[in-house]
Amino acid sequence: MEDGFDNWYFQFASSWGQAWTKDQWEGFMAWYAENPDIDNIEKVPRYVRSWSPKSWLKYNITYLIEKNNYFLYPRVAVATNFSDAGTHVGNDSTIYQVPLDYATNKKYRFSSLCEAKAIYDSFYESEVLYESLGIGKDEVCIDLYGCKSNSHERYLLTSKLLNHKIIRSYGKSLKPHEDNVIRGIEGNELFLYDTAIDVQNPNKHRWDRDVSYNYKQIPFRTVRKLFIEQAFGKVQNLKRKIFKKRRK
């Protein structure tokens, strides 16, 4: 969400280009020294919990959630992942690269949490969208990506098709997708439910709409060629790994 500042807040730690103060790092290490068990913490995304125990990042993300802290990210990056081939990546790629800021003597305008509109939880969901619904923050669960498995709030704003009373529904015609709620875009792709009332949902999920919304248009010939080349590349990488193990 563009809110006029040079930063945004995310309850998700970064291991690429991060910067810490001494007090921030000591706070995390003191918490980590208590050997926290994070496997059953529902506020931590399931895929993060599934990472290897050797990953310090999964614990740092949990620390942010537990302490209600955030990473401050720049809107234009000052560091990027070069994505060269290595231990975890077979071929070089630009998939993780972002444009860098080369401005000199730039005067940054940073927001505080109380004035920012770009604040996101560990599920990439807006933490201020409840204001547009006229519902208290503790009364509604924001789940536009449909990735939260358990919510205990009475009201639920989600892309899931559920059998609850629909208070309001929205289309997905604007980006980012929370703009559709803020602008009141009509449609049947995002739903605000009252989970206390069970009602049959008459709507149907449209996979093609999700694809067209989430991805730029790619010609069929390009998709076909890309699929063949990537499939061939994966097979070649697998062969190299197999032959390497046999030589050992």
Protein backbone atom coordinates (compact mmCIF):
# COMPACT_ATOMS: atom_id res chain seq x y z
CA MET A 1 0.00 0.00 0.00
CA GLU A 2 1.41 3.38 -1.00
CA ASP A 3 1.10 5.74 1.98
CA GLY A 4 3.57 8.49 1.03
CA PHE A 5 6.52 7.23 3.08
CA ASP A 6 9.83 5.63 2.08
CA ASN A 7 9.31 2.58 4.27
CA TRP A 8 6.79 -0.09 5.16
CA TYR A 9 6.45 -2.53 8.07
CA PHE A 10 6.38 -6.31 7.90
CA GLN A 11 6.13 -8.87 10.71
CA PHE A 12 8.47 -11.10 8.75
CA ALA A 13 12.22 -11.01 9.24
CA SER A 14 14.73 -10.82 6.39
CA SER A 15 18.00 -12.71 6.22
CA TRP A 16 19.08 -10.79 3.10
CA GLY A 17 20.63 -7.41 3.82
CA GLN A 18 19.33 -7.06 7.37
CA ALA A 19 20.66 -4.52 9.87
CA TRP A 20 20.42 -4.71 13.67
CA THR A 21 21.20 -2.58 16.67
CA LYS A 22 23.01 -4.23 19.56
CA ASP A 23 19.89 -4.09 21.76
CA GLN A 24 17.70 -5.61 19.03
CA TRP A 25 20.05 -8.56 18.53
CA GLU A 26 20.49 -9.16 22.26
CA GLY A 27 16.72 -9.14 22.72
CA PHE A 28 16.31 -11.84 20.09
CA MET A 29 19.18 -13.95 21.44
CA ALA A 30 17.84 -13.79 25.00
CA TRP A 31 14.48 -15.08 23.73
CA TYR A 32 16.14 -17.72 21.54
CA ALA A 33 18.25 -18.97 24.47
CA GLU A 34 15.04 -20.16 26.13
CA ASN A 35 14.72 -22.83 23.38
CA PRO A 36 11.24 -21.79 22.25
CA ASP A 37 8.94 -24.48 20.84
CA ILE A 38 7.28 -22.89 17.80
CA ASP A 39 5.76 -25.95 16.14
CA ASN A 40 2.24 -25.30 17.42
CA ILE A 41 2.09 -21.51 17.27
CA GLU A 42 -0.78 -20.83 14.86
CA LYS A 43 0.22 -17.20 14.35
CA VAL A 44 3.38 -18.44 12.60
CA PRO A 45 2.69 -19.51 8.97
CA ARG A 46 2.75 -23.29 8.62
CA TYR A 47 5.34 -23.26 5.85
CA VAL A 48 7.70 -21.21 8.07
CA ARG A 49 7.33 -23.73 10.90
CA SER A 50 8.20 -26.51 8.43
CA TRP A 51 11.66 -25.05 7.75
CA SER A 52 14.69 -26.90 9.07
CA PRO A 53 15.51 -26.41 12.78
CA LYS A 54 18.86 -25.09 11.53
CA SER A 55 17.07 -22.02 10.17
CA TRP A 56 17.56 -19.12 12.57
CA LEU A 57 15.17 -17.06 10.42
CA LYS A 58 12.09 -19.11 11.37
CA TYR A 59 12.82 -18.32 15.00
CA ASN A 60 13.42 -14.66 14.29
CA ILE A 61 10.06 -14.44 12.52
CA THR A 62 8.39 -16.08 15.51
CA TYR A 63 10.18 -13.65 17.83
CA LEU A 64 8.69 -10.72 15.92
CA ILE A 65 5.21 -12.21 16.21
CA GLU A 66 5.55 -13.05 19.90
CA LYS A 67 6.88 -9.57 20.75
CA ASN A 68 4.62 -7.74 18.28
CA ASN A 69 7.63 -6.22 16.52
CA TYR A 70 8.24 -5.51 12.83
CA PHE A 71 11.04 -5.27 10.32
CA LEU A 72 11.21 -1.90 8.59
CA TYR A 73 11.66 -2.33 4.84
CA PRO A 74 12.58 0.37 2.30
CA ARG A 75 10.19 0.87 -0.61
CA VAL A 76 13.15 0.96 -2.98
CA ALA A 77 15.77 -1.59 -1.98
CA VAL A 78 19.36 -0.83 -1.03
CA ALA A 79 20.34 -4.53 -1.16
CA THR A 80 19.34 -7.45 -3.35
CA ASN A 81 19.95 -11.17 -3.72
CA PHE A 82 22.33 -11.69 -6.65
CA SER A 83 20.80 -15.15 -7.17
CA ASP A 84 23.95 -16.75 -8.54
CA ALA A 85 24.24 -20.54 -8.66
CA GLY A 86 25.22 -22.20 -5.41
CA THR A 87 24.25 -24.75 -2.77
CA HIS A 88 20.50 -24.24 -3.02
CA VAL A 89 20.16 -22.98 -6.60
CA GLY A 90 21.34 -24.97 -9.62
CA ASN A 91 21.34 -22.10 -12.10
CA ASP A 92 21.69 -18.35 -11.82
CA SER A 93 18.37 -16.50 -11.82
CA THR A 94 16.87 -13.05 -11.40
CA ILE A 95 13.82 -14.34 -9.54
CA TYR A 96 14.87 -12.85 -6.17
CA GLN A 97 16.35 -9.63 -7.52
CA VAL A 98 14.77 -6.22 -7.05
CA PRO A 99 15.72 -2.76 -8.43
CA LEU A 100 18.28 -0.92 -6.30
CA ASP A 101 18.21 2.69 -5.17
CA TYR A 102 21.24 4.58 -6.55
CA ALA A 103 20.15 8.02 -5.35
CA THR A 104 22.81 10.09 -3.57
CA ASN A 105 22.10 12.34 -0.58
CA LYS A 106 18.54 11.06 -0.49
CA LYS A 107 16.33 12.55 2.19
CA TYR A 108 14.21 9.73 3.54
CA ARG A 109 10.76 10.24 4.98
CA PHE A 110 10.05 7.40 7.41
CA SER A 111 6.70 6.70 9.02
CA SER A 112 6.02 5.63 12.58
CA LEU A 113 3.75 2.66 13.22
CA CYS A 114 0.92 4.91 14.38
CA GLU A 115 0.81 6.86 11.09
CA ALA A 116 1.75 4.14 8.58
CA LYS A 117 -0.84 2.49 6.33
CA ALA A 118 1.60 -0.11 4.98
CA ILE A 119 1.78 -2.56 7.91
CA TYR A 120 1.59 -6.30 7.26
CA ASP A 121 1.50 -9.39 9.45
CA SER A 122 3.46 -12.62 8.89
CA PHE A 123 0.83 -13.83 6.40
CA TYR A 124 1.35 -10.73 4.22
CA GLU A 125 -2.04 -9.39 5.35
CA SER A 126 -2.75 -5.73 6.05
CA GLU A 127 -2.97 -4.86 9.73
CA VAL A 128 -4.93 -1.65 9.14
CA LEU A 129 -7.56 -2.87 6.68
CA TYR A 130 -10.07 -3.35 9.51
CA GLU A 131 -10.45 0.44 9.56
CA SER A 132 -12.13 0.31 6.13
CA LEU A 133 -14.60 -2.28 7.39
CA GLY A 134 -15.77 -0.30 10.40
CA ILE A 135 -15.05 -3.32 12.62
CA GLY A 136 -12.70 -3.43 15.60
CA LYS A 137 -9.25 -4.90 15.02
CA ASP A 138 -9.82 -7.70 17.55
CA GLU A 139 -13.17 -8.64 16.00
CA VAL A 140 -12.07 -9.43 12.45
CA CYS A 141 -9.50 -11.73 10.85
CA ILE A 142 -7.99 -10.45 7.59
CA ASP A 143 -7.19 -13.39 5.29
CA LEU A 144 -7.29 -12.17 1.69
CA TYR A 145 -4.71 -14.76 0.57
CA GLY A 146 -6.71 -17.54 2.24
CA CYS A 147 -3.70 -18.96 4.07
CA LYS A 148 -4.80 -18.66 7.70
CA SER A 149 -6.03 -22.04 8.89
CA ASN A 150 -7.60 -21.03 12.20
CA SER A 151 -9.30 -17.80 13.13
CA HIS A 152 -11.15 -17.14 16.35
CA GLU A 153 -12.66 -13.75 15.53
CA ARG A 154 -16.36 -13.46 14.75
CA TYR A 155 -15.80 -11.71 11.42
CA LEU A 156 -13.58 -13.02 8.64
CA LEU A 157 -12.50 -11.20 5.48
CA THR A 158 -11.13 -13.82 3.10
CA SER A 159 -10.94 -15.14 -0.44
CA LYS A 160 -12.18 -18.56 0.73
CA LEU A 161 -15.64 -19.84 -0.13
CA LEU A 162 -17.20 -20.64 3.24
CA ASN A 163 -20.72 -21.40 4.37
CA HIS A 164 -21.25 -18.38 6.60
CA LYS A 165 -23.42 -15.32 6.26
CA ILE A 166 -21.88 -12.89 3.76
CA ILE A 167 -22.05 -9.34 5.10
CA ARG A 168 -20.25 -7.81 2.12
CA SER A 169 -18.38 -9.08 -0.92
CA TYR A 170 -15.81 -7.50 -3.21
CA GLY A 171 -14.25 -8.10 -6.60
CA LYS A 172 -10.54 -8.20 -7.42
CA SER A 173 -10.04 -5.46 -9.99
CA LEU A 174 -7.43 -3.32 -8.21
CA LYS A 175 -3.92 -3.99 -6.92
CA PRO A 176 -2.86 -4.42 -4.19
CA HIS A 177 -5.91 -6.52 -3.39
CA GLU A 178 -6.79 -4.60 -0.22
CA ASP A 179 -7.56 -1.64 -2.50
CA ASN A 180 -10.70 -3.49 -3.59
CA VAL A 181 -11.97 -3.38 -0.01
CA ILE A 182 -10.94 0.22 0.57
CA ARG A 183 -12.64 1.35 -2.65
CA GLY A 184 -15.65 -0.91 -2.23
CA ILE A 185 -15.23 -2.68 -5.58
CA GLU A 186 -18.28 -4.86 -6.20
CA GLY A 187 -17.84 -8.55 -6.93
CA ASN A 188 -17.80 -12.05 -5.49
CA GLU A 189 -14.11 -12.84 -4.96
CA LEU A 190 -13.45 -11.47 -1.46
CA PHE A 191 -15.97 -12.05 1.31
CA LEU A 192 -16.64 -10.54 4.72
CA TYR A 193 -18.32 -13.28 6.75
CA ASP A 194 -20.17 -13.36 10.03
CA THR A 195 -18.90 -16.75 11.21
CA ALA A 196 -21.57 -16.93 13.92
CA ILE A 197 -24.23 -17.52 11.26
CA ASP A 198 -24.03 -20.54 8.97
CA VAL A 199 -25.52 -20.06 5.48
CA GLN A 200 -24.89 -21.94 2.23
CA ASN A 201 -22.51 -19.95 -0.01
CA PRO A 202 -23.95 -19.79 -3.57
CA ASN A 203 -20.69 -18.58 -5.18
CA LYS A 204 -18.15 -20.69 -7.04
CA HIS A 205 -14.38 -20.42 -7.10
CA ARG A 206 -12.91 -19.29 -10.44
CA TRP A 207 -9.36 -20.50 -10.87
CA ASP A 208 -8.92 -18.60 -14.14
CA ARG A 209 -9.73 -15.29 -12.42
CA ASP A 210 -7.10 -15.98 -9.76
CA VAL A 211 -4.46 -16.70 -12.40
CA SER A 212 -5.28 -13.60 -14.45
CA TYR A 213 -5.22 -11.45 -11.31
CA ASN A 214 -2.01 -12.83 -9.82
CA TYR A 215 0.11 -13.13 -12.95
CA LYS A 216 0.93 -10.93 -15.90
CA GLN A 217 -0.42 -12.18 -19.20
CA ILE A 218 1.95 -14.66 -20.85
CA PRO A 219 1.36 -15.93 -24.43
CA PHE A 220 0.68 -19.67 -24.73
CA ARG A 221 3.72 -20.25 -26.94
CA THR A 222 5.95 -18.61 -24.35
CA VAL A 223 4.45 -20.74 -21.56
CA ARG A 224 4.95 -23.93 -23.57
CA LYS A 225 8.57 -23.12 -24.44
CA LEU A 226 9.34 -22.05 -20.88
CA PHE A 227 7.84 -25.27 -19.48
CA ILE A 228 9.90 -27.45 -21.83
CA GLU A 229 13.15 -25.62 -21.11
CA GLN A 230 12.68 -25.61 -17.35
CA ALA A 231 11.63 -29.27 -17.29
CA PHE A 232 14.72 -30.17 -19.33
CA GLY A 233 16.91 -28.11 -16.99
CA LYS A 234 15.55 -29.87 -13.90
CA VAL A 235 16.19 -33.27 -15.47
CA GLN A 236 19.76 -32.29 -16.31
CA ASN A 237 20.39 -31.03 -12.76
CA LEU A 238 18.98 -34.27 -11.35
CA LYS A 239 21.28 -36.33 -13.61
CA ARG A 240 24.32 -34.35 -12.46
CA LYS A 241 23.43 -34.95 -8.80
CA ILE A 242 22.93 -38.69 -9.40
CA PHE A 243 26.25 -39.09 -11.28
CA LYS A 244 28.04 -37.02 -8.63
CA LYS A 245 26.78 -39.35 -5.87
CA ARG A 246 27.78 -42.44 -7.85
CA ARG A 247 31.34 -41.15 -8.33
CA LYS A 248 31.62 -40.69 -4.57
